[in-house]
């Protein structure tokens, strides 16, 4: 089976997000105002930029919506899309 590009992008970016949040938690503490504010801003930017990228790839007919109706904001899923909400478009030969 071919690799799912949206899944790879999403899981790679999710890993980066988790590492950034871990560093912020280490520096500021999980319940500090600074951490909570930065976490919200970073997560909003993360999800908004991924959504924009996936919409662009969908418009270019490179990916399509996941048939399982997964959503980016819900995080990782065992579905083919990995939680990204998108899968590759299979080209017919």
PDB file of N, CA and C in Angstrom:
ATOM      1  N   UNK A   1       0.837  -1.181   0.000  1.00  0.00           N
ATOM      2  CA  UNK A   1       0.000   0.000   0.000  1.00  0.00           C
ATOM      3  C   UNK A   1       0.887   1.252   0.000  1.00  0.00           C
ATOM      4  N   UNK A   2       0.472   2.211  -0.763  1.00  0.00           N
ATOM      5  CA  UNK A   2       1.189   3.477  -0.860  1.00  0.00           C
ATOM      6  C   UNK A   2       1.018   4.292   0.418  1.00  0.00           C
ATOM      7  N   UNK A   3       2.053   5.067   0.782  1.00  0.00           N
ATOM      8  CA  UNK A   3       1.984   5.935   1.964  1.00  0.00           C
ATOM      9  C   UNK A   3       0.938   7.032   1.762  1.00  0.00           C
ATOM     10  N   UNK A   4       0.228   7.337   2.826  1.00  0.00           N
ATOM     11  CA  UNK A   4      -0.760   8.412   2.806  1.00  0.00           C
ATOM     12  C   UNK A   4      -0.049   9.733   3.134  1.00  0.00           C
ATOM     13  N   UNK A   5       0.070  10.597   2.143  1.00  0.00           N
ATOM     14  CA  UNK A   5       0.778  11.873   2.308  1.00  0.00           C
ATOM     15  C   UNK A   5       0.152  12.738   3.410  1.00  0.00           C
ATOM     16  N   UNK A   6      -1.186  12.920   3.433  1.00  0.00           N
ATOM     17  CA  UNK A   6      -1.759  13.744   4.508  1.00  0.00           C
ATOM     18  C   UNK A   6      -1.458  13.184   5.902  1.00  0.00           C
ATOM     19  N   UNK A   7      -1.480  11.869   6.027  1.00  0.00           N
ATOM     20  CA  UNK A   7      -1.176  11.228   7.307  1.00  0.00           C
ATOM     21  C   UNK A   7       0.259  11.529   7.730  1.00  0.00           C
ATOM     22  N   UNK A   8       1.203  11.388   6.794  1.00  0.00           N
ATOM     23  CA  UNK A   8       2.618  11.661   7.101  1.00  0.00           C
ATOM     24  C   UNK A   8       2.828  13.113   7.518  1.00  0.00           C
ATOM     25  N   UNK A   9       2.225  14.032   6.785  1.00  0.00           N
ATOM     26  CA  UNK A   9       2.342  15.455   7.110  1.00  0.00           C
ATOM     27  C   UNK A   9       1.773  15.720   8.502  1.00  0.00           C
ATOM     28  N   UNK A  10       0.567  15.228   8.744  1.00  0.00           N
ATOM     29  CA  UNK A  10      -0.113  15.471  10.007  1.00  0.00           C
ATOM     30  C   UNK A  10       0.667  14.898  11.194  1.00  0.00           C
ATOM     31  N   UNK A  11       1.100  13.656  11.087  1.00  0.00           N
ATOM     32  CA  UNK A  11       1.786  13.027  12.212  1.00  0.00           C
ATOM     33  C   UNK A  11       3.157  13.643  12.474  1.00  0.00           C
ATOM     34  N   UNK A  12       3.842  14.066  11.420  1.00  0.00           N
ATOM     35  CA  UNK A  12       5.121  14.756  11.589  1.00  0.00           C
ATOM     36  C   UNK A  12       4.923  16.092  12.294  1.00  0.00           C
ATOM     37  N   UNK A  13       3.958  16.856  11.829  1.00  0.00           N
ATOM     38  CA  UNK A  13       3.673  18.159  12.437  1.00  0.00           C
ATOM     39  C   UNK A  13       3.152  18.001  13.863  1.00  0.00           C
ATOM     40  N   UNK A  14       2.361  16.972  14.115  1.00  0.00           N
ATOM     41  CA  UNK A  14       1.850  16.720  15.459  1.00  0.00           C
ATOM     42  C   UNK A  14       2.992  16.420  16.425  1.00  0.00           C
ATOM     43  N   UNK A  15       3.977  15.685  15.957  1.00  0.00           N
ATOM     44  CA  UNK A  15       5.151  15.383  16.773  1.00  0.00           C
ATOM     45  C   UNK A  15       5.922  16.661  17.117  1.00  0.00           C
ATOM     46  N   UNK A  16       6.078  17.522  16.129  1.00  0.00           N
ATOM     47  CA  UNK A  16       6.750  18.809  16.351  1.00  0.00           C
ATOM     48  C   UNK A  16       5.970  19.641  17.370  1.00  0.00           C
ATOM     49  N   UNK A  17       4.648  19.694  17.203  1.00  0.00           N
ATOM     50  CA  UNK A  17       3.798  20.435  18.142  1.00  0.00           C
ATOM     51  C   UNK A  17       3.972  19.920  19.562  1.00  0.00           C
ATOM     52  N   UNK A  18       3.938  18.614  19.728  1.00  0.00           N
ATOM     53  CA  UNK A  18       4.072  18.031  21.069  1.00  0.00           C
ATOM     54  C   UNK A  18       5.427  18.359  21.688  1.00  0.00           C
ATOM     55  N   UNK A  19       6.483  18.352  20.884  1.00  0.00           N
ATOM     56  CA  UNK A  19       7.814  18.693  21.395  1.00  0.00           C
ATOM     57  C   UNK A  19       7.895  20.153  21.822  1.00  0.00           C
ATOM     58  N   UNK A  20       7.304  21.038  21.036  1.00  0.00           N
ATOM     59  CA  UNK A  20       7.288  22.465  21.393  1.00  0.00           C
ATOM     60  C   UNK A  20       6.525  22.672  22.697  1.00  0.00           C
ATOM     61  N   UNK A  21       5.366  22.032  22.813  1.00  0.00           N
ATOM     62  CA  UNK A  21       4.563  22.182  24.027  1.00  0.00           C
ATOM     63  C   UNK A  21       5.281  21.597  25.241  1.00  0.00           C
ATOM     64  N   UNK A  22       6.027  20.521  25.052  1.00  0.00           N
ATOM     65  CA  UNK A  22       6.801  19.942  26.157  1.00  0.00           C
ATOM     66  C   UNK A  22       7.879  20.907  26.632  1.00  0.00           C
ATOM     67  N   UNK A  23       8.545  21.570  25.699  1.00  0.00           N
ATOM     68  CA  UNK A  23       9.559  22.560  26.072  1.00  0.00           C
ATOM     69  C   UNK A  23       8.942  23.730  26.829  1.00  0.00           C
ATOM     70  N   UNK A  24       7.785  24.192  26.348  1.00  0.00           N
ATOM     71  CA  UNK A  24       7.095  25.289  27.033  1.00  0.00           C
ATOM     72  C   UNK A  24       6.643  24.879  28.426  1.00  0.00           C
ATOM     73  N   UNK A  25       6.160  23.650  28.545  1.00  0.00           N
ATOM     74  CA  UNK A  25       5.728  23.148  29.848  1.00  0.00           C
ATOM     75  C   UNK A  25       6.914  23.084  30.810  1.00  0.00           C
ATOM     76  N   UNK A  26       8.054  22.626  30.316  1.00  0.00           N
ATOM     77  CA  UNK A  26       9.263  22.549  31.129  1.00  0.00           C
ATOM     78  C   UNK A  26       9.683  23.940  31.615  1.00  0.00           C
ATOM     79  N   UNK A  27       9.605  24.920  30.721  1.00  0.00           N
ATOM     80  CA  UNK A  27      10.048  26.279  31.052  1.00  0.00           C
ATOM     81  C   UNK A  27       9.069  27.008  31.973  1.00  0.00           C
ATOM     82  N   UNK A  28       7.765  26.884  31.692  1.00  0.00           N
ATOM     83  CA  UNK A  28       6.780  27.709  32.400  1.00  0.00           C
ATOM     84  C   UNK A  28       5.898  26.945  33.387  1.00  0.00           C
ATOM     85  N   UNK A  29       5.831  25.631  33.279  1.00  0.00           N
ATOM     86  CA  UNK A  29       4.912  24.857  34.110  1.00  0.00           C
ATOM     87  C   UNK A  29       3.559  24.743  33.428  1.00  0.00           C
ATOM     88  N   UNK A  30       2.935  23.583  33.569  1.00  0.00           N
ATOM     89  CA  UNK A  30       1.710  23.274  32.823  1.00  0.00           C
ATOM     90  C   UNK A  30       0.516  24.156  33.188  1.00  0.00           C
ATOM     91  N   UNK A  31       0.498  24.713  34.371  1.00  0.00           N
ATOM     92  CA  UNK A  31      -0.662  25.503  34.795  1.00  0.00           C
ATOM     93  C   UNK A  31      -0.411  27.010  34.774  1.00  0.00           C
ATOM     94  N   UNK A  32       0.772  27.417  34.321  1.00  0.00           N
ATOM     95  CA  UNK A  32       1.064  28.859  34.310  1.00  0.00           C
ATOM     96  C   UNK A  32       0.267  29.569  33.222  1.00  0.00           C
ATOM     97  N   UNK A  33       0.007  30.828  33.447  1.00  0.00           N
ATOM     98  CA  UNK A  33      -0.702  31.644  32.462  1.00  0.00           C
ATOM     99  C   UNK A  33       0.066  31.723  31.148  1.00  0.00           C
ATOM    100  N   UNK A  34       1.407  31.838  31.248  1.00  0.00           N
ATOM    101  CA  UNK A  34       2.235  31.924  30.049  1.00  0.00           C
ATOM    102  C   UNK A  34       2.090  30.664  29.199  1.00  0.00           C
ATOM    103  N   UNK A  35       2.184  29.511  29.844  1.00  0.00           N
ATOM    104  CA  UNK A  35       2.078  28.246  29.128  1.00  0.00           C
ATOM    105  C   UNK A  35       0.703  28.110  28.467  1.00  0.00           C
ATOM    106  N   UNK A  36      -0.351  28.371  29.210  1.00  0.00           N
ATOM    107  CA  UNK A  36      -1.703  28.213  28.675  1.00  0.00           C
ATOM    108  C   UNK A  36      -1.955  29.153  27.500  1.00  0.00           C
ATOM    109  N   UNK A  37      -1.463  30.387  27.590  1.00  0.00           N
ATOM    110  CA  UNK A  37      -1.621  31.349  26.502  1.00  0.00           C
ATOM    111  C   UNK A  37      -0.842  30.896  25.268  1.00  0.00           C
ATOM    112  N   UNK A  38       0.433  30.551  25.460  1.00  0.00           N
ATOM    113  CA  UNK A  38       1.258  30.126  24.326  1.00  0.00           C
ATOM    114  C   UNK A  38       0.741  28.838  23.705  1.00  0.00           C
ATOM    115  N   UNK A  39       0.271  27.915  24.530  1.00  0.00           N
ATOM    116  CA  UNK A  39      -0.275  26.657  24.024  1.00  0.00           C
ATOM    117  C   UNK A  39      -1.466  26.923  23.105  1.00  0.00           C
ATOM    118  N   UNK A  40      -2.368  27.789  23.539  1.00  0.00           N
ATOM    119  CA  UNK A  40      -3.537  28.105  22.711  1.00  0.00           C
ATOM    120  C   UNK A  40      -3.129  28.727  21.384  1.00  0.00           C
ATOM    121  N   UNK A  41      -2.227  29.695  21.430  1.00  0.00           N
ATOM    122  CA  UNK A  41      -1.789  30.376  20.212  1.00  0.00           C
ATOM    123  C   UNK A  41      -1.083  29.413  19.255  1.00  0.00           C
ATOM    124  N   UNK A  42      -0.194  28.589  19.792  1.00  0.00           N
ATOM    125  CA  UNK A  42       0.563  27.646  18.960  1.00  0.00           C
ATOM    126  C   UNK A  42      -0.364  26.597  18.351  1.00  0.00           C
ATOM    127  N   UNK A  43      -1.279  26.071  19.147  1.00  0.00           N
ATOM    128  CA  UNK A  43      -2.197  25.055  18.628  1.00  0.00           C
ATOM    129  C   UNK A  43      -3.135  25.636  17.568  1.00  0.00           C
ATOM    130  N   UNK A  44      -3.619  26.850  17.776  1.00  0.00           N
ATOM    131  CA  UNK A  44      -4.463  27.493  16.765  1.00  0.00           C
ATOM    132  C   UNK A  44      -3.702  27.655  15.454  1.00  0.00           C
ATOM    133  N   UNK A  45      -2.474  28.128  15.535  1.00  0.00           N
ATOM    134  CA  UNK A  45      -1.657  28.307  14.332  1.00  0.00           C
ATOM    135  C   UNK A  45      -1.374  26.967  13.652  1.00  0.00           C
ATOM    136  N   UNK A  46      -1.067  25.961  14.452  1.00  0.00           N
ATOM    137  CA  UNK A  46      -0.801  24.618  13.936  1.00  0.00           C
ATOM    138  C   UNK A  46      -1.996  24.094  13.144  1.00  0.00           C
ATOM    139  N   UNK A  47      -3.164  24.096  13.757  1.00  0.00           N
ATOM    140  CA  UNK A  47      -4.345  23.548  13.093  1.00  0.00           C
ATOM    141  C   UNK A  47      -4.798  24.409  11.919  1.00  0.00           C
ATOM    142  N   UNK A  48      -4.738  25.719  12.042  1.00  0.00           N
ATOM    143  CA  UNK A  48      -5.151  26.592  10.941  1.00  0.00           C
ATOM    144  C   UNK A  48      -4.233  26.458   9.733  1.00  0.00           C
ATOM    145  N   UNK A  49      -2.923  26.368   9.973  1.00  0.00           N
ATOM    146  CA  UNK A  49      -2.003  26.247   8.843  1.00  0.00           C
ATOM    147  C   UNK A  49      -2.119  24.875   8.170  1.00  0.00           C
ATOM    148  N   UNK A  50      -2.318  23.821   8.952  1.00  0.00           N
ATOM    149  CA  UNK A  50      -2.519  22.502   8.351  1.00  0.00           C
ATOM    150  C   UNK A  50      -3.818  22.452   7.561  1.00  0.00           C
ATOM    151  N   UNK A  51      -4.868  23.050   8.109  1.00  0.00           N
ATOM    152  CA  UNK A  51      -6.147  23.073   7.401  1.00  0.00           C
ATOM    153  C   UNK A  51      -5.992  23.794   6.059  1.00  0.00           C
ATOM    154  N   UNK A  52      -5.276  24.906   6.076  1.00  0.00           N
ATOM    155  CA  UNK A  52      -5.049  25.676   4.847  1.00  0.00           C
ATOM    156  C   UNK A  52      -4.245  24.852   3.838  1.00  0.00           C
ATOM    157  N   UNK A  53      -3.203  24.177   4.297  1.00  0.00           N
ATOM    158  CA  UNK A  53      -2.395  23.339   3.417  1.00  0.00           C
ATOM    159  C   UNK A  53      -3.245  22.223   2.809  1.00  0.00           C
ATOM    160  N   UNK A  54      -4.015  21.532   3.635  1.00  0.00           N
ATOM    161  CA  UNK A  54      -4.831  20.429   3.136  1.00  0.00           C
ATOM    162  C   UNK A  54      -5.911  20.917   2.174  1.00  0.00           C
ATOM    163  N   UNK A  55      -6.497  22.079   2.424  1.00  0.00           N
ATOM    164  CA  UNK A  55      -7.488  22.648   1.502  1.00  0.00           C
ATOM    165  C   UNK A  55      -6.845  22.952   0.149  1.00  0.00           C
ATOM    166  N   UNK A  56      -5.622  23.481   0.170  1.00  0.00           N
ATOM    167  CA  UNK A  56      -4.898  23.766  -1.072  1.00  0.00           C
ATOM    168  C   UNK A  56      -4.622  22.471  -1.837  1.00  0.00           C
ATOM    169  N   UNK A  57      -4.157  21.452  -1.140  1.00  0.00           N
ATOM    170  CA  UNK A  57      -3.882  20.161  -1.783  1.00  0.00           C
ATOM    171  C   UNK A  57      -5.163  19.521  -2.314  1.00  0.00           C
ATOM    172  N   UNK A  58      -6.274  19.731  -1.607  1.00  0.00           N
ATOM    173  CA  UNK A  58      -7.557  19.214  -2.081  1.00  0.00           C
ATOM    174  C   UNK A  58      -7.996  19.951  -3.347  1.00  0.00           C
ATOM    175  N   UNK A  59      -7.835  21.270  -3.360  1.00  0.00           N
ATOM    176  CA  UNK A  59      -8.177  22.072  -4.533  1.00  0.00           C
ATOM    177  C   UNK A  59      -7.354  21.648  -5.745  1.00  0.00           C
ATOM    178  N   UNK A  60      -6.099  21.291  -5.501  1.00  0.00           N
ATOM    179  CA  UNK A  60      -5.206  20.850  -6.583  1.00  0.00           C
ATOM    180  C   UNK A  60      -5.454  19.383  -6.975  1.00  0.00           C
ATOM    181  N   UNK A  61      -6.445  18.771  -6.337  1.00  0.00           N
ATOM    182  CA  UNK A  61      -6.833  17.386  -6.614  1.00  0.00           C
ATOM    183  C   UNK A  61      -5.708  16.386  -6.329  1.00  0.00           C
ATOM    184  N   UNK A  62      -4.963  16.659  -5.247  1.00  0.00           N
ATOM    185  CA  UNK A  62      -3.902  15.754  -4.812  1.00  0.00           C
ATOM    186  C   UNK A  62      -4.355  14.876  -3.650  1.00  0.00           C
ATOM    187  N   UNK A  63      -5.322  15.385  -2.871  1.00  0.00           N
ATOM    188  CA  UNK A  63      -5.873  14.629  -1.750  1.00  0.00           C
ATOM    189  C   UNK A  63      -7.378  14.821  -1.742  1.00  0.00           C
ATOM    190  N   UNK A  64      -8.064  14.001  -0.947  1.00  0.00           N
ATOM    191  CA  UNK A  64      -9.515  14.118  -0.807  1.00  0.00           C
ATOM    192  C   UNK A  64      -9.905  13.916   0.647  1.00  0.00           C
ATOM    193  N   UNK A  65     -11.131  14.298   0.987  1.00  0.00           N
ATOM    194  CA  UNK A  65     -11.619  14.131   2.357  1.00  0.00           C
ATOM    195  C   UNK A  65     -11.643  12.651   2.725  1.00  0.00           C
ATOM    196  N   UNK A  66     -11.393  12.381   3.978  1.00  0.00           N
ATOM    197  CA  UNK A  66     -11.416  11.018   4.505  1.00  0.00           C
ATOM    198  C   UNK A  66     -12.862  10.508   4.549  1.00  0.00           C
ATOM    199  N   UNK A  67     -13.113   9.292   4.090  1.00  0.00           N
ATOM    200  CA  UNK A  67     -14.480   8.770   4.129  1.00  0.00           C
ATOM    201  C   UNK A  67     -14.994   8.533   5.558  1.00  0.00           C
ATOM    202  N   UNK A  68     -14.094   8.498   6.527  1.00  0.00           N
ATOM    203  CA  UNK A  68     -14.488   8.285   7.928  1.00  0.00           C
ATOM    204  C   UNK A  68     -14.871   9.588   8.636  1.00  0.00           C
ATOM    205  N   UNK A  69     -14.806  10.713   7.913  1.00  0.00           N
ATOM    206  CA  UNK A  69     -15.136  12.035   8.473  1.00  0.00           C
ATOM    207  C   UNK A  69     -14.277  12.406   9.678  1.00  0.00           C
ATOM    208  N   UNK A  70     -13.008  12.064   9.640  1.00  0.00           N
ATOM    209  CA  UNK A  70     -12.078  12.447  10.708  1.00  0.00           C
ATOM    210  C   UNK A  70     -11.868  13.958  10.674  1.00  0.00           C
ATOM    211  N   UNK A  71     -11.460  14.502  11.801  1.00  0.00           N
ATOM    212  CA  UNK A  71     -11.253  15.940  11.916  1.00  0.00           C
ATOM    213  C   UNK A  71      -9.880  16.216  12.507  1.00  0.00           C
ATOM    214  N   UNK A  72      -9.196  17.199  11.949  1.00  0.00           N
ATOM    215  CA  UNK A  72      -7.868  17.598  12.429  1.00  0.00           C
ATOM    216  C   UNK A  72      -7.838  17.848  13.935  1.00  0.00           C
ATOM    217  N   UNK A  73      -8.804  18.565  14.435  1.00  0.00           N
ATOM    218  CA  UNK A  73      -8.816  18.992  15.838  1.00  0.00           C
ATOM    219  C   UNK A  73      -8.985  17.842  16.827  1.00  0.00           C
ATOM    220  N   UNK A  74      -9.412  16.681  16.329  1.00  0.00           N
ATOM    221  CA  UNK A  74      -9.604  15.545  17.226  1.00  0.00           C
ATOM    222  C   UNK A  74      -8.320  14.761  17.455  1.00  0.00           C
ATOM    223  N   UNK A  75      -7.255  15.097  16.711  1.00  0.00           N
ATOM    224  CA  UNK A  75      -5.966  14.443  16.918  1.00  0.00           C
ATOM    225  C   UNK A  75      -5.830  13.114  16.214  1.00  0.00           C
ATOM    226  N   UNK A  76      -4.860  12.318  16.649  1.00  0.00           N
ATOM    227  CA  UNK A  76      -4.522  11.056  16.017  1.00  0.00           C
ATOM    228  C   UNK A  76      -5.712  10.099  15.976  1.00  0.00           C
ATOM    229  N   UNK A  77      -5.778   9.340  14.898  1.00  0.00           N
ATOM    230  CA  UNK A  77      -6.799   8.304  14.750  1.00  0.00           C
ATOM    231  C   UNK A  77      -6.161   7.102  14.052  1.00  0.00           C
ATOM    232  N   UNK A  78      -6.723   5.936  14.250  1.00  0.00           N
ATOM    233  CA  UNK A  78      -6.193   4.731  13.597  1.00  0.00           C
ATOM    234  C   UNK A  78      -6.701   4.595  12.169  1.00  0.00           C
ATOM    235  N   UNK A  79      -7.509   5.508  11.745  1.00  0.00           N
ATOM    236  CA  UNK A  79      -8.036   5.545  10.385  1.00  0.00           C
ATOM    237  C   UNK A  79      -6.890   5.690   9.375  1.00  0.00           C
ATOM    238  N   UNK A  80      -7.175   5.413   8.110  1.00  0.00           N
ATOM    239  CA  UNK A  80      -6.190   5.547   7.034  1.00  0.00           C
ATOM    240  C   UNK A  80      -5.570   6.943   6.991  1.00  0.00           C
ATOM    241  N   UNK A  81      -6.350   7.972   7.365  1.00  0.00           N
ATOM    242  CA  UNK A  81      -5.855   9.354   7.310  1.00  0.00           C
ATOM    243  C   UNK A  81      -5.001   9.717   8.519  1.00  0.00           C
ATOM    244  N   UNK A  82      -5.026   8.904   9.552  1.00  0.00           N
ATOM    245  CA  UNK A  82      -4.251   9.174  10.758  1.00  0.00           C
ATOM    246  C   UNK A  82      -4.808  10.286  11.625  1.00  0.00           C
ATOM    247  N   UNK A  83      -5.967  10.809  11.245  1.00  0.00           N
ATOM    248  CA  UNK A  83      -6.569  11.918  11.986  1.00  0.00           C
ATOM    249  C   UNK A  83      -6.486  13.234  11.232  1.00  0.00           C
ATOM    250  N   UNK A  84      -5.841  13.229  10.068  1.00  0.00           N
ATOM    251  CA  UNK A  84      -5.693  14.467   9.294  1.00  0.00           C
ATOM    252  C   UNK A  84      -7.002  14.895   8.639  1.00  0.00           C
ATOM    253  N   UNK A  85      -7.891  13.932   8.390  1.00  0.00           N
ATOM    254  CA  UNK A  85      -9.147  14.243   7.715  1.00  0.00           C
ATOM    255  C   UNK A  85      -9.070  14.122   6.209  1.00  0.00           C
ATOM    256  N   UNK A  86      -7.888  13.745   5.695  1.00  0.00           N
ATOM    257  CA  UNK A  86      -7.680  13.634   4.250  1.00  0.00           C
ATOM    258  C   UNK A  86      -6.886  12.378   3.907  1.00  0.00           C
ATOM    259  N   UNK A  87      -7.105  11.883   2.692  1.00  0.00           N
ATOM    260  CA  UNK A  87      -6.339  10.755   2.169  1.00  0.00           C
ATOM    261  C   UNK A  87      -5.891  11.073   0.740  1.00  0.00           C
ATOM    262  N   UNK A  88      -4.950  10.290   0.243  1.00  0.00           N
ATOM    263  CA  UNK A  88      -4.506  10.441  -1.145  1.00  0.00           C
ATOM    264  C   UNK A  88      -5.673  10.194  -2.097  1.00  0.00           C
ATOM    265  N   UNK A  89      -5.608  10.820  -3.255  1.00  0.00           N
ATOM    266  CA  UNK A  89      -6.530  10.478  -4.342  1.00  0.00           C
ATOM    267  C   UNK A  89      -5.830   9.388  -5.134  1.00  0.00           C
ATOM    268  N   UNK A  90      -6.489   8.272  -5.258  1.00  0.00           N
ATOM    269  CA  UNK A  90      -5.916   7.154  -6.021  1.00  0.00           C
ATOM    270  C   UNK A  90      -6.155   7.390  -7.500  1.00  0.00           C
ATOM    271  N   UNK A  91      -5.096   7.398  -8.259  1.00  0.00           N
ATOM    272  CA  UNK A  91      -5.206   7.598  -9.697  1.00  0.00           C
ATOM    273  C   UNK A  91      -5.562   6.269 -10.357  1.00  0.00           C
ATOM    274  N   UNK A  92      -6.556   6.305 -11.217  1.00  0.00           N
ATOM    275  CA  UNK A  92      -6.976   5.105 -11.937  1.00  0.00           C
ATOM    276  C   UNK A  92      -6.090   4.905 -13.149  1.00  0.00           C
ATOM    277  N   UNK A  93      -5.674   3.657 -13.347  1.00  0.00           N
ATOM    278  CA  UNK A  93      -4.779   3.389 -14.484  1.00  0.00           C
ATOM    279  C   UNK A  93      -5.473   2.630 -15.574  1.00  0.00           C
TER     280      UNK A  93
END
